């Protein structure tokens, strides 16, 4: 399930209790060892609050999940932050490339998804296929970090079982080409199986020759969005994701540039909003088609009613919503709109936040 789908599910759920745990984490050892201690303390805090606020017997299911959740965390593949959501019906562990505001525990009837709302528009989840005839691996990645190695649908693949051992046959280039393609065809069918489950596109690390052969036999060539071959045979996970993320960043830049052009063209048609209040109301009404926000733009507000607000300077004041931009972003995303966060200066001609409406 993609991050956006997970957040959609979390945002819709009401539970007694709904436990949310957020903490900043470290990508490297030995710093990541600290994360285990911090997490243990937060889990203990959550257990205490659940018992005090809901009672031990009524919350038995959630308390059991809290007791076991630490053993399900892979501390070797941390990103910038970790978010855990637990209820009787839900158990979600989400890693983010964006820092949390603080290490926190929230126990309520709704999950505290605000730390992740902005992340939805700023991350890309994808697959990295390390393609060689001596063995093929598949990783799930988020931006510049590997989340896990995929061990499903036949992955990791062993070396090509169709390798021709007879020297006289190996001299037949057509026969060799056929055997290589047969191996890649099997790899592709497994990729398609995983793509159908996740919707994740694929960056391929391999030689241009192997990549070309893969595309020839691919059932869905469009899901393969780029290729790199620098030191692919010897690269560790860190170097593999570095290579892959360069391709992702280029694609993201292209998409953001196209989105800005789309916004500029829509200005003449009167479908572009730049006033934050109007943008919020349009997003709430499901009219948001394309939202572009200048990177790190935030605005705390105090809600006057369901549809209007006033600006405030201090996000820590009582009754203040930390960031109305995060709410707007989530409303657009959850209603099938598109959101881009960008540092490209072309956006500043229109403002720090711009919304193209559907109608």
Protein backbone atom coordinates (compact mmCIF):
# COMPACT_ATOMS: atom_id res chain seq x y z
CA UNK A 1 0.00 0.00 0.00
CA UNK A 2 1.41 3.41 -1.00
CA UNK A 3 1.96 6.16 1.57
CA UNK A 4 -0.94 8.20 0.20
CA UNK A 5 -3.30 5.23 0.52
CA UNK A 6 -2.10 4.53 4.06
CA UNK A 7 -2.72 8.12 5.07
CA UNK A 8 -6.17 8.04 3.48
CA UNK A 9 -6.99 5.01 5.63
CA UNK A 10 -5.51 6.53 8.79
CA UNK A 11 -7.30 9.84 8.29
CA UNK A 12 -10.66 8.10 7.96
CA UNK A 13 -10.40 5.92 11.06
CA UNK A 14 -11.94 6.65 14.43
CA UNK A 15 -10.92 4.39 17.31
CA UNK A 16 -10.83 4.15 21.09
CA UNK A 17 -7.93 4.45 21.47
CA UNK A 18 -5.97 5.57 18.43
CA UNK A 19 -2.27 5.69 19.36
CA UNK A 20 0.22 7.76 17.34
CA UNK A 21 3.97 7.66 18.02
CA UNK A 22 6.43 9.87 16.12
CA UNK A 23 10.19 10.11 16.55
CA UNK A 24 13.21 11.41 14.70
CA UNK A 25 15.60 8.65 13.64
CA UNK A 26 19.13 8.16 12.31
CA UNK A 27 20.17 6.52 9.07
CA UNK A 28 23.55 5.27 10.23
CA UNK A 29 25.01 3.07 12.96
CA UNK A 30 25.86 3.57 15.82
CA UNK A 31 23.53 6.61 16.01
CA UNK A 32 20.57 4.40 15.09
CA UNK A 33 21.06 2.49 18.36
CA UNK A 34 19.74 5.57 20.15
CA UNK A 35 16.49 5.21 18.26
CA UNK A 36 15.75 1.87 19.91
CA UNK A 37 16.03 3.48 23.36
CA UNK A 38 13.89 6.47 22.41
CA UNK A 39 11.26 4.21 20.87
CA UNK A 40 11.19 1.99 23.97
CA UNK A 41 10.55 5.03 26.17
CA UNK A 42 7.81 6.35 23.88
CA UNK A 43 6.09 2.96 23.83
CA UNK A 44 6.17 2.90 27.65
CA UNK A 45 4.67 6.39 27.73
CA UNK A 46 1.96 5.29 25.30
CA UNK A 47 1.12 2.23 27.40
CA UNK A 48 0.78 4.37 30.54
CA UNK A 49 -1.47 6.90 28.82
CA UNK A 50 -3.68 4.24 27.25
CA UNK A 51 -4.25 2.56 30.61
CA UNK A 52 -4.92 5.87 32.37
CA UNK A 53 -7.28 7.22 29.70
CA UNK A 54 -9.07 4.10 28.48
CA UNK A 55 -8.47 1.36 31.06
CA UNK A 56 -6.40 -1.82 30.81
CA UNK A 57 -9.18 -4.27 29.93
CA UNK A 58 -11.00 -2.15 27.29
CA UNK A 59 -7.68 -1.36 25.56
CA UNK A 60 -6.22 -4.85 25.80
CA UNK A 61 -5.84 -5.24 22.01
CA UNK A 62 -3.90 -2.00 21.60
CA UNK A 63 -1.74 -2.71 24.64
CA UNK A 64 -0.79 -6.06 23.14
CA UNK A 65 0.24 -4.36 19.90
CA UNK A 66 2.30 -1.82 21.85
CA UNK A 67 4.08 -4.68 23.62
CA UNK A 68 5.07 -6.32 20.31
CA UNK A 69 5.62 -3.37 17.98
CA UNK A 70 9.29 -2.72 18.86
CA UNK A 71 10.25 -6.16 17.55
CA UNK A 72 8.80 -5.29 14.14
CA UNK A 73 10.98 -2.21 13.56
CA UNK A 74 13.97 -2.60 11.23
CA UNK A 75 16.52 -0.19 12.73
CA UNK A 76 19.02 -0.87 9.91
CA UNK A 77 16.98 1.02 7.33
CA UNK A 78 15.84 4.16 9.15
CA UNK A 79 15.14 7.45 7.39
CA UNK A 80 14.70 10.86 9.08
CA UNK A 81 11.65 9.92 11.14
CA UNK A 82 9.45 7.01 12.17
CA UNK A 83 5.68 7.04 12.72
CA UNK A 84 3.61 4.28 14.33
CA UNK A 85 -0.19 4.13 14.31
CA UNK A 86 -2.02 1.54 16.43
CA UNK A 87 -5.64 0.74 17.14
CA UNK A 88 -7.71 -2.41 17.46
CA UNK A 89 -7.99 -2.55 13.66
CA UNK A 90 -4.78 -0.87 12.56
CA UNK A 91 -1.04 -1.37 12.82
CA UNK A 92 1.00 0.88 10.56
CA UNK A 93 4.73 1.60 10.64
CA UNK A 94 5.70 4.46 8.32
CA UNK A 95 9.20 5.80 7.71
CA UNK A 96 9.62 9.31 6.35
CA UNK A 97 12.47 11.22 4.74
CA UNK A 98 11.25 14.35 6.59
CA UNK A 99 11.98 15.10 10.23
CA UNK A 100 9.24 15.09 12.84
CA UNK A 101 8.67 18.28 14.83
CA UNK A 102 9.41 16.34 18.04
CA UNK A 103 9.38 12.87 19.58
CA UNK A 104 5.75 12.54 20.60
CA UNK A 105 2.99 10.22 21.76
CA UNK A 106 -0.65 11.07 21.08
CA UNK A 107 -3.58 9.03 22.37
CA UNK A 108 -6.95 10.11 21.04
CA UNK A 109 -9.93 8.98 18.97
CA UNK A 110 -8.18 10.02 15.73
CA UNK A 111 -4.64 9.35 14.53
CA UNK A 112 -2.20 12.28 14.54
CA UNK A 113 -1.25 12.21 10.85
CA UNK A 114 -0.17 15.86 10.60
CA UNK A 115 3.59 14.99 10.65
CA UNK A 116 3.08 12.98 7.47
CA UNK A 117 0.72 15.16 5.48
CA UNK A 118 3.47 17.29 3.96
CA UNK A 119 5.58 14.20 3.34
CA UNK A 120 2.97 12.83 0.94
CA UNK A 121 3.67 15.61 -1.51
CA UNK A 122 7.43 15.47 -1.04
CA UNK A 123 8.33 11.81 -1.35
CA UNK A 124 8.37 9.29 -4.12
CA UNK A 125 8.21 5.59 -3.49
CA UNK A 126 9.59 3.37 -6.25
CA UNK A 127 11.35 0.10 -6.98
CA UNK A 128 15.03 -0.41 -7.82
CA UNK A 129 15.79 -3.40 -10.04
CA UNK A 130 19.45 -4.47 -9.93
CA UNK A 131 19.52 -6.46 -13.15
CA UNK A 132 22.38 -8.84 -13.96
CA UNK A 133 22.61 -12.30 -15.46
CA UNK A 134 24.51 -13.41 -12.37
CA UNK A 135 21.50 -12.63 -10.16
CA UNK A 136 18.77 -10.01 -9.90
CA UNK A 137 17.58 -8.14 -6.81
CA UNK A 138 14.67 -5.79 -6.19
CA UNK A 139 14.47 -3.04 -3.57
CA UNK A 140 11.66 -0.78 -2.42
CA UNK A 141 12.90 2.78 -2.00
CA UNK A 142 11.66 6.16 -0.85
CA UNK A 143 13.55 9.14 -2.25
CA UNK A 144 17.23 8.51 -1.42
CA UNK A 145 16.74 5.60 0.99
CA UNK A 146 16.06 1.90 0.62
CA UNK A 147 13.08 0.77 2.69
CA UNK A 148 13.60 -2.95 2.23
CA UNK A 149 14.75 -5.65 -0.14
CA UNK A 150 11.75 -7.23 -1.83
CA UNK A 151 11.46 -10.94 -1.20
CA UNK A 152 8.32 -11.78 -3.13
CA UNK A 153 7.22 -13.07 -6.54
CA UNK A 154 10.50 -14.93 -7.03
CA UNK A 155 12.86 -12.16 -5.88
CA UNK A 156 15.79 -12.27 -5.44
CA UNK A 157 16.36 -14.17 -8.70
CA UNK A 158 19.36 -16.51 -8.91
CA UNK A 159 21.72 -16.32 -11.86
CA UNK A 160 20.36 -16.91 -15.35
CA UNK A 161 19.44 -20.63 -15.50
CA UNK A 162 19.38 -20.51 -19.30
CA UNK A 163 23.10 -19.83 -19.60
CA UNK A 164 24.51 -21.82 -22.50
CA UNK A 165 27.43 -24.02 -21.52
CA UNK A 166 28.33 -25.45 -24.94
CA UNK A 167 30.94 -23.27 -26.62
CA UNK A 168 29.66 -23.96 -30.14
CA UNK A 169 26.14 -22.84 -29.21
CA UNK A 170 27.46 -19.76 -27.37
CA UNK A 171 28.87 -18.58 -30.68
CA UNK A 172 25.32 -18.35 -32.03
CA UNK A 173 24.40 -14.77 -31.10
CA UNK A 174 20.69 -15.27 -31.80
CA UNK A 175 20.54 -18.27 -29.49
CA UNK A 176 22.38 -16.39 -26.73
CA UNK A 177 20.10 -13.38 -27.17
CA UNK A 178 17.05 -15.63 -26.89
CA UNK A 179 18.27 -17.19 -23.63
CA UNK A 180 19.00 -13.81 -22.05
CA UNK A 181 15.57 -12.52 -23.01
CA UNK A 182 13.91 -15.60 -21.55
CA UNK A 183 15.54 -14.85 -18.20
CA UNK A 184 14.57 -11.19 -18.34
CA UNK A 185 11.04 -12.14 -19.38
CA UNK A 186 10.64 -14.07 -16.13
CA UNK A 187 12.03 -11.15 -14.17
CA UNK A 188 9.60 -8.80 -15.90
CA UNK A 189 6.56 -10.97 -15.14
CA UNK A 190 7.48 -10.86 -11.46
CA UNK A 191 7.96 -7.09 -11.65
CA UNK A 192 4.51 -6.71 -13.22
CA UNK A 193 3.01 -8.84 -10.44
CA UNK A 194 4.51 -6.53 -7.81
CA UNK A 195 3.58 -3.41 -9.80
CA UNK A 196 -0.05 -4.55 -9.92
CA UNK A 197 -0.02 -4.79 -6.12
CA UNK A 198 1.84 -1.55 -5.36
CA UNK A 199 1.65 0.75 -8.39
CA UNK A 200 5.37 1.50 -7.93
CA UNK A 201 7.48 2.35 -10.98
CA UNK A 202 10.94 0.89 -11.53
CA UNK A 203 14.44 2.32 -11.88
CA UNK A 204 16.81 -0.25 -13.36
CA UNK A 205 20.48 -0.56 -12.41
CA UNK A 206 22.19 -2.56 -15.15
CA UNK A 207 24.00 -2.30 -18.47
CA UNK A 208 22.31 -0.45 -21.34
CA UNK A 209 22.36 -3.73 -23.31
CA UNK A 210 20.53 -5.65 -20.58
CA UNK A 211 18.07 -2.78 -20.07
CA UNK A 212 17.28 -2.70 -23.79
CA UNK A 213 16.62 -6.44 -23.80
CA UNK A 214 14.40 -6.11 -20.74
CA UNK A 215 12.29 -3.46 -22.47
CA UNK A 216 11.95 -5.67 -25.55
CA UNK A 217 10.27 -8.44 -23.53
CA UNK A 218 8.46 -6.21 -21.02
CA UNK A 219 4.69 -6.55 -20.76
CA UNK A 220 4.41 -2.97 -19.43
CA UNK A 221 7.49 -1.02 -20.63
CA UNK A 222 6.06 2.25 -19.24
CA UNK A 223 6.70 1.15 -15.64
CA UNK A 224 10.48 1.20 -16.25
CA UNK A 225 11.30 4.90 -15.89
CA UNK A 226 15.09 4.99 -16.18
CA UNK A 227 18.41 3.15 -16.14
CA UNK A 228 21.87 3.62 -14.68
CA UNK A 229 24.88 1.31 -14.84
CA UNK A 230 27.65 2.88 -12.72
CA UNK A 231 29.41 0.12 -10.78
CA UNK A 232 26.14 -1.80 -10.66
CA UNK A 233 27.74 -5.23 -10.14
CA UNK A 234 29.68 -4.23 -7.03
CA UNK A 235 27.57 -1.43 -5.58
CA UNK A 236 26.21 -1.79 -2.08
CA UNK A 237 22.69 -0.66 -1.20
CA UNK A 238 23.84 2.90 -0.48
CA UNK A 239 25.40 3.36 -3.91
CA UNK A 240 22.50 1.63 -5.66
CA UNK A 241 19.92 4.02 -4.19
CA UNK A 242 22.19 7.01 -4.86
CA UNK A 243 22.22 6.10 -8.56
CA UNK A 244 18.50 5.47 -8.66
CA UNK A 245 17.57 8.66 -6.85
CA UNK A 246 19.43 10.80 -9.39
CA UNK A 247 17.01 9.46 -12.00
CA UNK A 248 14.04 10.08 -9.71
CA UNK A 249 15.15 13.66 -9.00
CA UNK A 250 15.47 14.39 -12.71
CA UNK A 251 11.98 13.02 -13.30
CA UNK A 252 10.63 15.06 -10.40
CA UNK A 253 12.23 18.25 -11.73
CA UNK A 254 10.71 17.61 -15.14
CA UNK A 255 7.30 16.99 -13.60
CA UNK A 256 7.48 20.14 -11.45
CA UNK A 257 8.51 22.25 -14.45
CA UNK A 258 5.58 20.86 -16.45
CA UNK A 259 3.23 21.53 -13.53
CA UNK A 260 4.36 25.16 -13.28
CA UNK A 261 3.80 25.61 -17.01
CA UNK A 262 0.35 24.06 -16.64
CA UNK A 263 -0.47 26.55 -13.88
CA UNK A 264 0.75 29.51 -15.95
CA UNK A 265 -1.33 28.45 -18.94
CA UNK A 266 -4.40 28.08 -16.71
CA UNK A 267 -4.14 31.68 -15.45
CA UNK A 268 -5.64 32.96 -18.70
CA UNK A 269 -8.64 30.68 -18.22
CA UNK A 270 -9.43 32.04 -14.76
CA UNK A 271 -8.99 28.70 -12.99
CA UNK A 272 -6.01 29.67 -10.80
CA UNK A 273 -6.29 30.82 -7.18
CA UNK A 274 -3.51 32.55 -5.22
CA UNK A 275 -5.39 33.73 -2.12
CA UNK A 276 -4.79 31.28 0.76
CA UNK A 277 -8.38 31.52 2.07
CA UNK A 278 -9.84 30.83 -1.38
CA UNK A 279 -7.36 27.99 -1.93
CA UNK A 280 -8.40 26.39 1.38
CA UNK A 281 -12.11 26.57 0.58
CA UNK A 282 -11.62 25.19 -2.93
CA UNK A 283 -9.54 22.31 -1.58
CA UNK A 284 -12.19 21.51 1.03
CA UNK A 285 -14.84 21.50 -1.71
CA UNK A 286 -12.86 19.01 -3.81
CA UNK A 287 -12.11 21.52 -6.57
CA UNK A 288 -8.32 21.29 -6.28
CA UNK A 289 -6.75 19.85 -9.43
CA UNK A 290 -3.11 20.96 -9.12
CA UNK A 291 -1.51 22.57 -6.06
CA UNK A 292 2.03 23.96 -6.17
CA UNK A 293 3.69 25.16 -2.97
CA UNK A 294 7.06 26.86 -2.64
CA UNK A 295 9.35 24.61 -0.61
CA UNK A 296 8.97 24.86 3.18
CA UNK A 297 6.19 27.47 3.00
CA UNK A 298 4.05 27.12 6.14
CA UNK A 299 1.30 29.25 7.66
CA UNK A 300 -0.16 28.83 11.17
CA UNK A 301 -3.79 29.95 11.48
CA UNK A 302 -6.62 30.14 14.00
CA UNK A 303 -9.83 28.70 12.60
CA UNK A 304 -12.83 31.06 12.97
CA UNK A 305 -15.26 28.47 11.62
CA UNK A 306 -15.11 25.46 9.29
CA UNK A 307 -14.30 27.58 6.24
CA UNK A 308 -12.46 30.68 7.40
CA UNK A 309 -9.37 31.49 9.46
CA UNK A 310 -7.10 34.30 10.53
CA UNK A 311 -3.31 34.37 10.29
CA UNK A 312 -1.22 34.06 13.46
CA UNK A 313 2.52 34.32 14.04
CA UNK A 314 3.01 31.75 16.80
CA UNK A 315 2.00 28.18 15.94
CA UNK A 316 2.20 27.21 19.63
CA UNK A 317 -0.63 29.48 20.75
CA UNK A 318 -3.68 27.64 22.13
CA UNK A 319 -6.24 26.80 19.46
CA UNK A 320 -3.82 27.41 16.60
CA UNK A 321 -3.53 25.06 13.63
CA UNK A 322 0.20 24.56 13.05
CA UNK A 323 0.14 24.71 9.27
CA UNK A 324 -2.90 25.30 7.07
CA UNK A 325 -0.74 24.42 4.04
CA UNK A 326 -0.46 20.84 5.25
CA UNK A 327 -4.23 20.63 5.61
CA UNK A 328 -4.76 22.07 2.13
CA UNK A 329 -2.23 19.65 0.66
CA UNK A 330 -3.96 16.67 2.24
CA UNK A 331 -7.40 17.83 1.07
CA UNK A 332 -6.13 18.11 -2.51
CA UNK A 333 -4.32 14.76 -2.42
CA UNK A 334 -7.16 12.87 -0.75
CA UNK A 335 -9.61 14.14 -3.36
CA UNK A 336 -7.48 12.88 -6.26
CA UNK A 337 -5.66 16.13 -6.99
CA UNK A 338 -1.94 16.61 -7.56
CA UNK A 339 0.51 18.36 -5.23
CA UNK A 340 4.05 19.58 -5.89
CA UNK A 341 6.46 21.24 -3.44
CA UNK A 342 9.18 23.10 -5.28
CA UNK A 343 12.06 25.54 -4.83
CA UNK A 344 11.91 26.61 -8.48
CA UNK A 345 11.72 30.40 -8.66
CA UNK A 346 9.26 30.42 -11.55
CA UNK A 347 6.50 29.89 -9.01
CA UNK A 348 7.29 33.16 -7.22
CA UNK A 349 5.78 35.11 -10.12
CA UNK A 350 2.39 33.86 -8.89
CA UNK A 351 3.00 33.44 -5.16
CA UNK A 352 4.23 30.91 -2.62
CA UNK A 353 1.10 28.77 -3.01
CA UNK A 354 -1.02 28.40 -6.14
CA UNK A 355 -4.02 26.18 -6.91
CA UNK A 356 -5.45 25.30 -10.29
CA UNK A 357 -9.10 24.35 -9.87
CA UNK A 358 -11.10 21.74 -11.74
CA UNK A 359 -13.94 24.13 -12.46
